[in-house]
């Protein structure tokens, strides 16, 4: 996805795709952090070796992925 705003058009999108093709936080405090794509899905990710990448691509929370984000559609 290359959208610059969230679904409601009211908030800037937090993430984008980096040059390597990975999901990455593009703005704010965590800019440049590559995210775990599995963490964004309903079942999450069981890999505990990269928990720093377990942030929501919608709001950067560590408590849920994009699928469970309250800012999602």
PDB file of N, CA and C in Angstrom:
ATOM      1  N   UNK A   1       0.837  -1.187   0.000  1.00  0.00           N
ATOM      2  CA  UNK A   1       0.000   0.000   0.000  1.00  0.00           C
ATOM      3  C   UNK A   1       0.878   1.245   0.000  1.00  0.00           C
ATOM      4  N   UNK A   2       0.482   2.222  -0.751  1.00  0.00           N
ATOM      5  CA  UNK A   2       1.283   3.442  -0.820  1.00  0.00           C
ATOM      6  C   UNK A   2       0.491   4.665  -0.370  1.00  0.00           C
ATOM      7  N   UNK A   3      -0.570   4.444   0.353  1.00  0.00           N
ATOM      8  CA  UNK A   3      -1.398   5.564   0.808  1.00  0.00           C
ATOM      9  C   UNK A   3      -0.644   6.414   1.835  1.00  0.00           C
ATOM     10  N   UNK A   4      -0.921   7.696   1.825  1.00  0.00           N
ATOM     11  CA  UNK A   4      -0.277   8.603   2.766  1.00  0.00           C
ATOM     12  C   UNK A   4      -1.178   8.947   3.942  1.00  0.00           C
ATOM     13  N   UNK A   5      -2.460   8.582   3.853  1.00  0.00           N
ATOM     14  CA  UNK A   5      -3.414   8.810   4.938  1.00  0.00           C
ATOM     15  C   UNK A   5      -4.074   7.497   5.327  1.00  0.00           C
ATOM     16  N   UNK A   6      -4.558   7.414   6.556  1.00  0.00           N
ATOM     17  CA  UNK A   6      -5.308   6.238   6.984  1.00  0.00           C
ATOM     18  C   UNK A   6      -6.669   6.227   6.296  1.00  0.00           C
ATOM     19  N   UNK A   7      -7.420   5.152   6.477  1.00  0.00           N
ATOM     20  CA  UNK A   7      -8.688   4.928   5.799  1.00  0.00           C
ATOM     21  C   UNK A   7      -9.671   6.084   5.917  1.00  0.00           C
ATOM     22  N   UNK A   8      -9.657   6.798   7.052  1.00  0.00           N
ATOM     23  CA  UNK A   8     -10.627   7.874   7.248  1.00  0.00           C
ATOM     24  C   UNK A   8     -10.142   9.208   6.677  1.00  0.00           C
ATOM     25  N   UNK A   9      -8.919   9.240   6.160  1.00  0.00           N
ATOM     26  CA  UNK A   9      -8.377  10.454   5.560  1.00  0.00           C
ATOM     27  C   UNK A   9      -7.988  11.527   6.558  1.00  0.00           C
ATOM     28  N   UNK A  10      -8.021  11.211   7.859  1.00  0.00           N
ATOM     29  CA  UNK A  10      -7.791  12.217   8.891  1.00  0.00           C
ATOM     30  C   UNK A  10      -6.420  12.133   9.560  1.00  0.00           C
ATOM     31  N   UNK A  11      -5.705  11.034   9.360  1.00  0.00           N
ATOM     32  CA  UNK A  11      -4.423  10.866  10.026  1.00  0.00           C
ATOM     33  C   UNK A  11      -3.400  10.365   9.020  1.00  0.00           C
ATOM     34  N   UNK A  12      -2.182  10.899   9.105  1.00  0.00           N
ATOM     35  CA  UNK A  12      -1.122  10.440   8.222  1.00  0.00           C
ATOM     36  C   UNK A  12      -0.798   8.986   8.487  1.00  0.00           C
ATOM     37  N   UNK A  13      -0.518   8.267   7.421  1.00  0.00           N
ATOM     38  CA  UNK A  13      -0.095   6.878   7.548  1.00  0.00           C
ATOM     39  C   UNK A  13       1.262   6.848   8.241  1.00  0.00           C
ATOM     40  N   UNK A  14       1.447   5.898   9.105  1.00  0.00           N
ATOM     41  CA  UNK A  14       2.675   5.781   9.892  1.00  0.00           C
ATOM     42  C   UNK A  14       3.773   5.052   9.137  1.00  0.00           C
ATOM     43  N   UNK A  15       3.396   4.111   8.281  1.00  0.00           N
ATOM     44  CA  UNK A  15       4.365   3.215   7.645  1.00  0.00           C
ATOM     45  C   UNK A  15       4.353   3.300   6.136  1.00  0.00           C
ATOM     46  N   UNK A  16       5.405   2.736   5.591  1.00  0.00           N
ATOM     47  CA  UNK A  16       5.535   2.597   4.148  1.00  0.00           C
ATOM     48  C   UNK A  16       6.507   1.470   3.869  1.00  0.00           C
ATOM     49  N   UNK A  17       6.855   1.290   2.615  1.00  0.00           N
ATOM     50  CA  UNK A  17       7.794   0.240   2.224  1.00  0.00           C
ATOM     51  C   UNK A  17       9.154   0.855   1.998  1.00  0.00           C
ATOM     52  N   UNK A  18      10.182   0.266   2.574  1.00  0.00           N
ATOM     53  CA  UNK A  18      11.528   0.799   2.390  1.00  0.00           C
ATOM     54  C   UNK A  18      12.141   0.273   1.091  1.00  0.00           C
ATOM     55  N   UNK A  19      13.367   0.674   0.790  1.00  0.00           N
ATOM     56  CA  UNK A  19      14.032   0.302  -0.464  1.00  0.00           C
ATOM     57  C   UNK A  19      14.251  -1.207  -0.575  1.00  0.00           C
ATOM     58  N   UNK A  20      14.298  -1.910   0.557  1.00  0.00           N
ATOM     59  CA  UNK A  20      14.488  -3.360   0.544  1.00  0.00           C
ATOM     60  C   UNK A  20      13.159  -4.106   0.414  1.00  0.00           C
ATOM     61  N   UNK A  21      12.036  -3.367   0.406  1.00  0.00           N
ATOM     62  CA  UNK A  21      10.723  -3.985   0.277  1.00  0.00           C
ATOM     63  C   UNK A  21      10.099  -4.407   1.583  1.00  0.00           C
ATOM     64  N   UNK A  22      10.638  -3.922   2.698  1.00  0.00           N
ATOM     65  CA  UNK A  22      10.104  -4.267   4.013  1.00  0.00           C
ATOM     66  C   UNK A  22       9.226  -3.147   4.547  1.00  0.00           C
ATOM     67  N   UNK A  23       8.237  -3.528   5.356  1.00  0.00           N
ATOM     68  CA  UNK A  23       7.377  -2.568   6.024  1.00  0.00           C
ATOM     69  C   UNK A  23       8.208  -1.810   7.054  1.00  0.00           C
ATOM     70  N   UNK A  24       8.095  -0.492   7.039  1.00  0.00           N
ATOM     71  CA  UNK A  24       8.938   0.340   7.896  1.00  0.00           C
ATOM     72  C   UNK A  24       8.152   1.544   8.401  1.00  0.00           C
ATOM     73  N   UNK A  25       8.397   1.910   9.649  1.00  0.00           N
ATOM     74  CA  UNK A  25       7.811   3.141  10.176  1.00  0.00           C
ATOM     75  C   UNK A  25       8.523   4.305   9.500  1.00  0.00           C
ATOM     76  N   UNK A  26       7.748   5.185   8.900  1.00  0.00           N
ATOM     77  CA  UNK A  26       8.314   6.253   8.080  1.00  0.00           C
ATOM     78  C   UNK A  26       8.466   7.584   8.816  1.00  0.00           C
ATOM     79  N   UNK A  27       7.712   7.780   9.887  1.00  0.00           N
ATOM     80  CA  UNK A  27       7.747   9.067  10.567  1.00  0.00           C
ATOM     81  C   UNK A  27       7.765   8.891  12.081  1.00  0.00           C
ATOM     82  N   UNK A  28       8.081   9.951  12.769  1.00  0.00           N
ATOM     83  CA  UNK A  28       7.989   9.967  14.222  1.00  0.00           C
ATOM     84  C   UNK A  28       9.158   9.332  14.953  1.00  0.00           C
ATOM     85  N   UNK A  29       8.928   9.032  16.206  1.00  0.00           N
ATOM     86  CA  UNK A  29       9.940   8.532  17.131  1.00  0.00           C
ATOM     87  C   UNK A  29      10.612   7.250  16.646  1.00  0.00           C
ATOM     88  N   UNK A  30       9.886   6.403  15.952  1.00  0.00           N
ATOM     89  CA  UNK A  30      10.419   5.099  15.529  1.00  0.00           C
ATOM     90  C   UNK A  30      10.744   5.055  14.036  1.00  0.00           C
ATOM     91  N   UNK A  31      10.911   6.197  13.410  1.00  0.00           N
ATOM     92  CA  UNK A  31      11.204   6.260  11.969  1.00  0.00           C
ATOM     93  C   UNK A  31      12.414   5.401  11.628  1.00  0.00           C
ATOM     94  N   UNK A  32      12.269   4.611  10.573  1.00  0.00           N
ATOM     95  CA  UNK A  32      13.343   3.746  10.114  1.00  0.00           C
ATOM     96  C   UNK A  32      13.289   2.332  10.664  1.00  0.00           C
ATOM     97  N   UNK A  33      12.409   2.077  11.635  1.00  0.00           N
ATOM     98  CA  UNK A  33      12.309   0.746  12.233  1.00  0.00           C
ATOM     99  C   UNK A  33      11.530  -0.173  11.302  1.00  0.00           C
ATOM    100  N   UNK A  34      12.170  -1.268  10.881  1.00  0.00           N
ATOM    101  CA  UNK A  34      11.474  -2.277  10.087  1.00  0.00           C
ATOM    102  C   UNK A  34      10.543  -3.050  11.004  1.00  0.00           C
ATOM    103  N   UNK A  35       9.338  -3.353  10.505  1.00  0.00           N
ATOM    104  CA  UNK A  35       8.329  -4.047  11.298  1.00  0.00           C
ATOM    105  C   UNK A  35       8.161  -5.484  10.837  1.00  0.00           C
ATOM    106  N   UNK A  36       7.697  -6.314  11.737  1.00  0.00           N
ATOM    107  CA  UNK A  36       7.397  -7.712  11.447  1.00  0.00           C
ATOM    108  C   UNK A  36       6.020  -7.783  10.781  1.00  0.00           C
ATOM    109  N   UNK A  37       5.976  -8.308   9.553  1.00  0.00           N
ATOM    110  CA  UNK A  37       4.707  -8.427   8.832  1.00  0.00           C
ATOM    111  C   UNK A  37       3.775  -9.436   9.496  1.00  0.00           C
ATOM    112  N   UNK A  38       4.320 -10.501  10.065  1.00  0.00           N
ATOM    113  CA  UNK A  38       3.492 -11.501  10.740  1.00  0.00           C
ATOM    114  C   UNK A  38       2.767 -10.906  11.940  1.00  0.00           C
ATOM    115  N   UNK A  39       3.410 -10.007  12.661  1.00  0.00           N
ATOM    116  CA  UNK A  39       2.826  -9.367  13.842  1.00  0.00           C
ATOM    117  C   UNK A  39       1.559  -8.594  13.480  1.00  0.00           C
ATOM    118  N   UNK A  40       1.457  -8.122  12.239  1.00  0.00           N
ATOM    119  CA  UNK A  40       0.327  -7.312  11.799  1.00  0.00           C
ATOM    120  C   UNK A  40      -0.922  -8.154  11.534  1.00  0.00           C
ATOM    121  N   UNK A  41      -0.767  -9.444  11.403  1.00  0.00           N
ATOM    122  CA  UNK A  41      -1.858 -10.355  11.032  1.00  0.00           C
ATOM    123  C   UNK A  41      -2.647 -10.822  12.260  1.00  0.00           C
ATOM    124  N   UNK A  42      -3.841 -11.385  12.040  1.00  0.00           N
ATOM    125  CA  UNK A  42      -4.703 -11.793  13.163  1.00  0.00           C
ATOM    126  C   UNK A  42      -4.043 -12.731  14.179  1.00  0.00           C
ATOM    127  N   UNK A  43      -3.228 -13.669  13.734  1.00  0.00           N
ATOM    128  CA  UNK A  43      -2.601 -14.619  14.656  1.00  0.00           C
ATOM    129  C   UNK A  43      -1.283 -14.125  15.238  1.00  0.00           C
ATOM    130  N   UNK A  44      -0.804 -12.977  14.803  1.00  0.00           N
ATOM    131  CA  UNK A  44       0.436 -12.422  15.331  1.00  0.00           C
ATOM    132  C   UNK A  44       1.659 -13.223  14.931  1.00  0.00           C
ATOM    133  N   UNK A  45       2.745 -13.040  15.649  1.00  0.00           N
ATOM    134  CA  UNK A  45       4.014 -13.697  15.364  1.00  0.00           C
ATOM    135  C   UNK A  45       4.513 -14.364  16.636  1.00  0.00           C
ATOM    136  N   UNK A  46       5.004 -15.580  16.492  1.00  0.00           N
ATOM    137  CA  UNK A  46       5.505 -16.300  17.666  1.00  0.00           C
ATOM    138  C   UNK A  46       7.014 -16.154  17.842  1.00  0.00           C
ATOM    139  N   UNK A  47       7.687 -15.498  16.903  1.00  0.00           N
ATOM    140  CA  UNK A  47       9.137 -15.324  16.976  1.00  0.00           C
ATOM    141  C   UNK A  47       9.479 -14.261  18.019  1.00  0.00           C
ATOM    142  N   UNK A  48      10.129 -14.656  19.067  1.00  0.00           N
ATOM    143  CA  UNK A  48      10.502 -13.721  20.132  1.00  0.00           C
ATOM    144  C   UNK A  48      11.937 -13.208  19.987  1.00  0.00           C
ATOM    145  N   UNK A  49      12.570 -13.540  18.855  1.00  0.00           N
ATOM    146  CA  UNK A  49      13.946 -13.093  18.619  1.00  0.00           C
ATOM    147  C   UNK A  49      14.002 -11.697  18.008  1.00  0.00           C
ATOM    148  N   UNK A  50      12.859 -11.170  17.607  1.00  0.00           N
ATOM    149  CA  UNK A  50      12.839  -9.820  17.032  1.00  0.00           C
ATOM    150  C   UNK A  50      11.654  -9.000  17.560  1.00  0.00           C
ATOM    151  N   UNK A  51      11.456  -9.037  18.854  1.00  0.00           N
ATOM    152  CA  UNK A  51      10.304  -8.345  19.453  1.00  0.00           C
ATOM    153  C   UNK A  51      10.346  -6.832  19.242  1.00  0.00           C
ATOM    154  N   UNK A  52      11.516  -6.274  18.977  1.00  0.00           N
ATOM    155  CA  UNK A  52      11.587  -4.835  18.692  1.00  0.00           C
ATOM    156  C   UNK A  52      10.825  -4.492  17.408  1.00  0.00           C
ATOM    157  N   UNK A  53      10.591  -5.487  16.544  1.00  0.00           N
ATOM    158  CA  UNK A  53       9.845  -5.282  15.301  1.00  0.00           C
ATOM    159  C   UNK A  53       8.352  -5.525  15.481  1.00  0.00           C
ATOM    160  N   UNK A  54       7.942  -5.876  16.695  1.00  0.00           N
ATOM    161  CA  UNK A  54       6.530  -6.148  16.987  1.00  0.00           C
ATOM    162  C   UNK A  54       5.838  -4.860  17.427  1.00  0.00           C
ATOM    163  N   UNK A  55       5.570  -4.013  16.460  1.00  0.00           N
ATOM    164  CA  UNK A  55       4.825  -2.769  16.659  1.00  0.00           C
ATOM    165  C   UNK A  55       3.738  -2.700  15.600  1.00  0.00           C
ATOM    166  N   UNK A  56       2.623  -2.116  15.973  1.00  0.00           N
ATOM    167  CA  UNK A  56       1.510  -1.950  15.053  1.00  0.00           C
ATOM    168  C   UNK A  56       1.896  -0.990  13.922  1.00  0.00           C
ATOM    169  N   UNK A  57       1.577  -1.371  12.699  1.00  0.00           N
ATOM    170  CA  UNK A  57       1.888  -0.500  11.569  1.00  0.00           C
ATOM    171  C   UNK A  57       0.905   0.675  11.462  1.00  0.00           C
ATOM    172  N   UNK A  58      -0.136   0.672  12.274  1.00  0.00           N
ATOM    173  CA  UNK A  58      -1.096   1.771  12.265  1.00  0.00           C
ATOM    174  C   UNK A  58      -0.808   2.835  13.307  1.00  0.00           C
ATOM    175  N   UNK A  59      -0.366   2.397  14.514  1.00  0.00           N
ATOM    176  CA  UNK A  59      -0.190   3.365  15.598  1.00  0.00           C
ATOM    177  C   UNK A  59       1.107   3.183  16.383  1.00  0.00           C
ATOM    178  N   UNK A  60       1.901   2.163  16.056  1.00  0.00           N
ATOM    179  CA  UNK A  60       3.195   1.857  16.688  1.00  0.00           C
ATOM    180  C   UNK A  60       3.079   1.226  18.076  1.00  0.00           C
ATOM    181  N   UNK A  61       1.892   0.812  18.474  1.00  0.00           N
ATOM    182  CA  UNK A  61       1.721   0.143  19.765  1.00  0.00           C
ATOM    183  C   UNK A  61       2.411  -1.213  19.751  1.00  0.00           C
ATOM    184  N   UNK A  62       2.888  -1.633  20.905  1.00  0.00           N
ATOM    185  CA  UNK A  62       3.470  -2.970  21.040  1.00  0.00           C
ATOM    186  C   UNK A  62       2.431  -3.977  21.538  1.00  0.00           C
ATOM    187  N   UNK A  63       1.206  -3.548  21.777  1.00  0.00           N
ATOM    188  CA  UNK A  63       0.161  -4.408  22.329  1.00  0.00           C
ATOM    189  C   UNK A  63      -0.678  -5.134  21.290  1.00  0.00           C
ATOM    190  N   UNK A  64      -0.595  -4.720  20.035  1.00  0.00           N
ATOM    191  CA  UNK A  64      -1.371  -5.352  18.968  1.00  0.00           C
ATOM    192  C   UNK A  64      -0.710  -5.044  17.627  1.00  0.00           C
ATOM    193  N   UNK A  65      -1.083  -5.833  16.625  1.00  0.00           N
ATOM    194  CA  UNK A  65      -0.663  -5.553  15.255  1.00  0.00           C
ATOM    195  C   UNK A  65      -1.745  -4.760  14.555  1.00  0.00           C
ATOM    196  N   UNK A  66      -1.566  -4.536  13.275  1.00  0.00           N
ATOM    197  CA  UNK A  66      -2.521  -3.743  12.506  1.00  0.00           C
ATOM    198  C   UNK A  66      -3.926  -4.341  12.528  1.00  0.00           C
ATOM    199  N   UNK A  67      -4.020  -5.661  12.552  1.00  0.00           N
ATOM    200  CA  UNK A  67      -5.323  -6.312  12.538  1.00  0.00           C
ATOM    201  C   UNK A  67      -6.167  -5.954  13.761  1.00  0.00           C
ATOM    202  N   UNK A  68      -5.525  -5.675  14.891  1.00  0.00           N
ATOM    203  CA  UNK A  68      -6.247  -5.336  16.109  1.00  0.00           C
ATOM    204  C   UNK A  68      -6.191  -3.864  16.473  1.00  0.00           C
ATOM    205  N   UNK A  69      -5.748  -3.035  15.541  1.00  0.00           N
ATOM    206  CA  UNK A  69      -5.569  -1.605  15.842  1.00  0.00           C
ATOM    207  C   UNK A  69      -6.903  -0.870  15.934  1.00  0.00           C
ATOM    208  N   UNK A  70      -7.098  -0.111  17.012  1.00  0.00           N
ATOM    209  CA  UNK A  70      -8.339   0.659  17.138  1.00  0.00           C
ATOM    210  C   UNK A  70      -8.445   1.780  16.099  1.00  0.00           C
ATOM    211  N   UNK A  71      -7.331   2.127  15.454  1.00  0.00           N
ATOM    212  CA  UNK A  71      -7.372   3.162  14.419  1.00  0.00           C
ATOM    213  C   UNK A  71      -7.648   2.568  13.042  1.00  0.00           C
ATOM    214  N   UNK A  72      -7.781   1.241  12.985  1.00  0.00           N
ATOM    215  CA  UNK A  72      -8.061   0.564  11.721  1.00  0.00           C
ATOM    216  C   UNK A  72      -9.526   0.672  11.336  1.00  0.00           C
ATOM    217  N   UNK A  73      -9.798   0.256  10.143  1.00  0.00           N
ATOM    218  CA  UNK A  73     -11.161   0.356   9.628  1.00  0.00           C
ATOM    219  C   UNK A  73     -12.000  -0.797  10.078  1.00  0.00           C
TER     220      UNK A  73
END
